[in-house]
Amino acid sequence: MNAIACAPSSTNVADAHENGYVTTLYGRRRALPALASRNYMQRSFAGLAMNTPIQGTAADLIKIAMVRAYDALRAAGVTSRILLQVHDELVLEVTTEETETVTELLRTAMSGAAGWLCRLPSMCIVGRTGRRQSNT
């Protein structure tokens, strides 16, 4: 078995200083004009240049997953619906009869959101009140 560790590249900081922005894995850009500031305190936010590609890619992934989940729910003709997104979670209102179907649709939509060769792990938790009651 192989282990892979990834860390933000220092070239992200150099590229951000040179270009004035960083990009996510999906190509979304975030401008970082503070890096060119004369003010040391503003310039010292180089951590944003390392953190943005990671957090931005995570945000891109949940957006893709949400669109895929929405499309899958509509295609399946279920009455269940997405209520909200909180960080990397989607919260749905699901009828008891549709729980199994929607759980599988959601798991498929979220685990395949990246479009990579590997599937992202996802977990669905079902509960009557929104509190974490059972793990399916």
C-alpha atoms as a PDB file:
ATOM      1  CA  MET A   1       0.000   0.000   0.000  1.00  0.00           C
ATOM      2  CA  ASN A   2       1.264   3.486  -0.853  1.00  0.00           C
ATOM      3  CA  ALA A   3       0.784   6.639   1.166  1.00  0.00           C
ATOM      4  CA  ILE A   4       0.562  10.059  -0.421  1.00  0.00           C
ATOM      5  CA  ALA A   5       0.939  13.321   1.451  1.00  0.00           C
ATOM      6  CA  CYS A   6       0.213  16.689  -0.125  1.00  0.00           C
ATOM      7  CA  ALA A   7       1.116  20.128   1.125  1.00  0.00           C
ATOM      8  CA  PRO A   8       0.637  23.596  -0.319  1.00  0.00           C
ATOM      9  CA  SER A   9       3.455  24.476  -2.654  1.00  0.00           C
ATOM     10  CA  SER A  10       5.634  27.483  -1.945  1.00  0.00           C
ATOM     11  CA  THR A  11       5.313  28.271  -5.655  1.00  0.00           C
ATOM     12  CA  ASN A  12       1.694  29.254  -4.901  1.00  0.00           C
ATOM     13  CA  VAL A  13       3.038  32.182  -2.884  1.00  0.00           C
ATOM     14  CA  ALA A  14       5.580  33.125  -5.557  1.00  0.00           C
ATOM     15  CA  ASP A  15       2.926  32.858  -8.286  1.00  0.00           C
ATOM     16  CA  ALA A  16       0.511  34.926  -6.217  1.00  0.00           C
ATOM     17  CA  HIS A  17       3.104  37.670  -5.769  1.00  0.00           C
ATOM     18  CA  GLU A  18       3.861  37.615  -9.486  1.00  0.00           C
ATOM     19  CA  ASN A  19       0.278  37.365 -10.806  1.00  0.00           C
ATOM     20  CA  GLY A  20      -1.681  38.991  -7.997  1.00  0.00           C
ATOM     21  CA  TYR A  21      -4.036  36.013  -7.724  1.00  0.00           C
ATOM     22  CA  VAL A  22      -4.223  32.282  -6.993  1.00  0.00           C
ATOM     23  CA  THR A  23      -6.465  29.671  -8.613  1.00  0.00           C
ATOM     24  CA  THR A  24      -8.348  26.607  -7.441  1.00  0.00           C
ATOM     25  CA  LEU A  25      -7.963  23.226  -9.131  1.00  0.00           C
ATOM     26  CA  TYR A  26     -11.070  24.107 -11.150  1.00  0.00           C
ATOM     27  CA  GLY A  27      -9.612  27.392 -12.395  1.00  0.00           C
ATOM     28  CA  ARG A  28     -11.522  29.848 -10.197  1.00  0.00           C
ATOM     29  CA  ARG A  29      -9.328  32.840  -9.330  1.00  0.00           C
ATOM     30  CA  ARG A  30      -9.048  34.841  -6.141  1.00  0.00           C
ATOM     31  CA  ALA A  31      -7.310  38.176  -6.386  1.00  0.00           C
ATOM     32  CA  LEU A  32      -4.855  38.939  -3.580  1.00  0.00           C
ATOM     33  CA  PRO A  33      -3.964  42.615  -4.018  1.00  0.00           C
ATOM     34  CA  ALA A  34      -2.733  42.831  -0.404  1.00  0.00           C
ATOM     35  CA  LEU A  35       0.384  40.881  -1.389  1.00  0.00           C
ATOM     36  CA  ALA A  36       1.621  43.904  -3.373  1.00  0.00           C
ATOM     37  CA  SER A  37       0.839  46.366  -0.593  1.00  0.00           C
ATOM     38  CA  ARG A  38       3.514  48.599   0.945  1.00  0.00           C
ATOM     39  CA  ASN A  39       1.983  47.845   4.329  1.00  0.00           C
ATOM     40  CA  TYR A  40       3.825  44.938   5.978  1.00  0.00           C
ATOM     41  CA  MET A  41       0.738  43.744   7.861  1.00  0.00           C
ATOM     42  CA  GLN A  42      -1.263  43.430   4.638  1.00  0.00           C
ATOM     43  CA  ARG A  43       1.642  41.820   2.789  1.00  0.00           C
ATOM     44  CA  SER A  44       2.055  39.252   5.566  1.00  0.00           C
ATOM     45  CA  PHE A  45      -1.127  37.468   4.492  1.00  0.00           C
ATOM     46  CA  ALA A  46       0.916  35.148   2.267  1.00  0.00           C
ATOM     47  CA  GLY A  47      -0.896  32.289   4.002  1.00  0.00           C
ATOM     48  CA  LEU A  48      -3.926  33.179   1.899  1.00  0.00           C
ATOM     49  CA  ALA A  49      -1.931  32.283  -1.183  1.00  0.00           C
ATOM     50  CA  MET A  50      -1.364  28.794   0.229  1.00  0.00           C
ATOM     51  CA  ASN A  51      -4.792  28.315   1.812  1.00  0.00           C
ATOM     52  CA  THR A  52      -7.040  29.670  -0.953  1.00  0.00           C
ATOM     53  CA  PRO A  53      -6.347  26.950  -3.543  1.00  0.00           C
ATOM     54  CA  ILE A  54      -7.220  24.270  -0.967  1.00  0.00           C
ATOM     55  CA  GLN A  55     -10.301  25.890   0.567  1.00  0.00           C
ATOM     56  CA  GLY A  56     -11.403  27.271  -2.787  1.00  0.00           C
ATOM     57  CA  THR A  57     -11.220  23.824  -4.373  1.00  0.00           C
ATOM     58  CA  ALA A  58     -13.268  22.420  -1.478  1.00  0.00           C
ATOM     59  CA  ALA A  59     -15.877  25.142  -2.098  1.00  0.00           C
ATOM     60  CA  ASP A  60     -15.886  24.304  -5.818  1.00  0.00           C
ATOM     61  CA  LEU A  61     -16.430  20.619  -5.002  1.00  0.00           C
ATOM     62  CA  ILE A  62     -19.465  21.211  -2.756  1.00  0.00           C
ATOM     63  CA  LYS A  63     -20.983  23.486  -5.412  1.00  0.00           C
ATOM     64  CA  ILE A  64     -20.525  20.775  -8.049  1.00  0.00           C
ATOM     65  CA  ALA A  65     -21.941  18.156  -5.670  1.00  0.00           C
ATOM     66  CA  MET A  66     -24.956  20.358  -4.903  1.00  0.00           C
ATOM     67  CA  VAL A  67     -25.764  20.849  -8.581  1.00  0.00           C
ATOM     68  CA  ARG A  68     -25.350  17.120  -9.251  1.00  0.00           C
ATOM     69  CA  ALA A  69     -27.538  16.251  -6.267  1.00  0.00           C
ATOM     70  CA  TYR A  70     -30.221  18.700  -7.397  1.00  0.00           C
ATOM     71  CA  ASP A  71     -30.179  17.290 -10.934  1.00  0.00           C
ATOM     72  CA  ALA A  72     -30.317  13.699  -9.613  1.00  0.00           C
ATOM     73  CA  LEU A  73     -33.293  14.506  -7.358  1.00  0.00           C
ATOM     74  CA  ARG A  74     -35.182  16.128 -10.238  1.00  0.00           C
ATOM     75  CA  ALA A  75     -34.372  13.245 -12.619  1.00  0.00           C
ATOM     76  CA  ALA A  76     -35.586  10.709 -10.043  1.00  0.00           C
ATOM     77  CA  GLY A  77     -38.856  12.605  -9.629  1.00  0.00           C
ATOM     78  CA  VAL A  78     -38.704  12.569  -5.829  1.00  0.00           C
ATOM     79  CA  THR A  79     -40.380  15.160  -3.636  1.00  0.00           C
ATOM     80  CA  SER A  80     -37.356  15.482  -1.347  1.00  0.00           C
ATOM     81  CA  ARG A  81     -35.368  18.693  -1.645  1.00  0.00           C
ATOM     82  CA  ILE A  82     -32.112  20.349  -0.705  1.00  0.00           C
ATOM     83  CA  LEU A  83     -32.663  22.823   2.138  1.00  0.00           C
ATOM     84  CA  LEU A  84     -29.229  24.306   2.642  1.00  0.00           C
ATOM     85  CA  GLN A  85     -25.491  23.903   2.415  1.00  0.00           C
ATOM     86  CA  VAL A  86     -23.274  24.284   5.487  1.00  0.00           C
ATOM     87  CA  HIS A  87     -19.539  24.217   4.735  1.00  0.00           C
ATOM     88  CA  ASP A  88     -19.050  20.785   3.129  1.00  0.00           C
ATOM     89  CA  GLU A  89     -22.479  19.374   3.987  1.00  0.00           C
ATOM     90  CA  LEU A  90     -25.831  19.376   2.226  1.00  0.00           C
ATOM     91  CA  VAL A  91     -28.961  19.268   4.366  1.00  0.00           C
ATOM     92  CA  LEU A  92     -32.065  17.793   2.736  1.00  0.00           C
ATOM     93  CA  GLU A  93     -35.712  17.424   3.640  1.00  0.00           C
ATOM     94  CA  VAL A  94     -36.574  13.831   2.781  1.00  0.00           C
ATOM     95  CA  THR A  95     -39.795  11.859   3.077  1.00  0.00           C
ATOM     96  CA  THR A  96     -39.585   8.566   4.949  1.00  0.00           C
ATOM     97  CA  GLU A  97     -40.495   6.610   1.823  1.00  0.00           C
ATOM     98  CA  GLU A  98     -37.695   8.223  -0.205  1.00  0.00           C
ATOM     99  CA  THR A  99     -34.918   7.944   2.390  1.00  0.00           C
ATOM    100  CA  GLU A 100     -33.083   5.002   0.800  1.00  0.00           C
ATOM    101  CA  THR A 101     -33.392   6.320  -2.753  1.00  0.00           C
ATOM    102  CA  VAL A 102     -32.298   9.846  -1.852  1.00  0.00           C
ATOM    103  CA  THR A 103     -29.414   8.588   0.298  1.00  0.00           C
ATOM    104  CA  GLU A 104     -28.031   6.630  -2.651  1.00  0.00           C
ATOM    105  CA  LEU A 105     -28.576   9.530  -5.093  1.00  0.00           C
ATOM    106  CA  LEU A 106     -26.824  11.920  -2.742  1.00  0.00           C
ATOM    107  CA  ARG A 107     -23.937   9.562  -2.015  1.00  0.00           C
ATOM    108  CA  THR A 108     -23.360   9.052  -5.751  1.00  0.00           C
ATOM    109  CA  ALA A 109     -23.587  12.774  -6.547  1.00  0.00           C
ATOM    110  CA  MET A 110     -21.202  13.786  -3.787  1.00  0.00           C
ATOM    111  CA  SER A 111     -18.609  11.037  -4.142  1.00  0.00           C
ATOM    112  CA  GLY A 112     -18.297  11.610  -7.901  1.00  0.00           C
ATOM    113  CA  ALA A 113     -18.304  15.412  -7.772  1.00  0.00           C
ATOM    114  CA  ALA A 114     -14.588  15.778  -8.428  1.00  0.00           C
ATOM    115  CA  GLY A 115     -14.656  13.842 -11.670  1.00  0.00           C
ATOM    116  CA  TRP A 116     -11.366  12.226 -10.685  1.00  0.00           C
ATOM    117  CA  LEU A 117     -10.409   8.577 -11.047  1.00  0.00           C
ATOM    118  CA  CYS A 118     -10.850   8.109  -7.299  1.00  0.00           C
ATOM    119  CA  ARG A 119     -14.189   8.725  -5.646  1.00  0.00           C
ATOM    120  CA  LEU A 120     -14.370  11.094  -2.702  1.00  0.00           C
ATOM    121  CA  PRO A 121     -15.626   9.545   0.526  1.00  0.00           C
ATOM    122  CA  SER A 122     -19.069  10.730   1.567  1.00  0.00           C
ATOM    123  CA  MET A 123     -21.314   9.944   4.496  1.00  0.00           C
ATOM    124  CA  CYS A 124     -25.070  10.319   4.799  1.00  0.00           C
ATOM    125  CA  ILE A 125     -26.652  10.746   8.207  1.00  0.00           C
ATOM    126  CA  VAL A 126     -30.406  10.337   8.609  1.00  0.00           C
ATOM    127  CA  GLY A 127     -32.353  11.771  11.517  1.00  0.00           C
ATOM    128  CA  ARG A 128     -35.832  13.036  12.302  1.00  0.00           C
ATOM    129  CA  THR A 129     -34.794  16.369  13.770  1.00  0.00           C
ATOM    130  CA  GLY A 130     -31.545  17.081  12.004  1.00  0.00           C
ATOM    131  CA  ARG A 131     -29.489  15.869  14.977  1.00  0.00           C
ATOM    132  CA  ARG A 132     -27.073  13.104  14.115  1.00  0.00           C
ATOM    133  CA  GLN A 133     -29.051  10.036  15.090  1.00  0.00           C
ATOM    134  CA  SER A 134     -28.031   7.236  12.765  1.00  0.00           C
ATOM    135  CA  ASN A 135     -25.342   6.702  10.197  1.00  0.00           C
ATOM    136  CA  THR A 136     -26.335   5.058   6.902  1.00  0.00           C
END
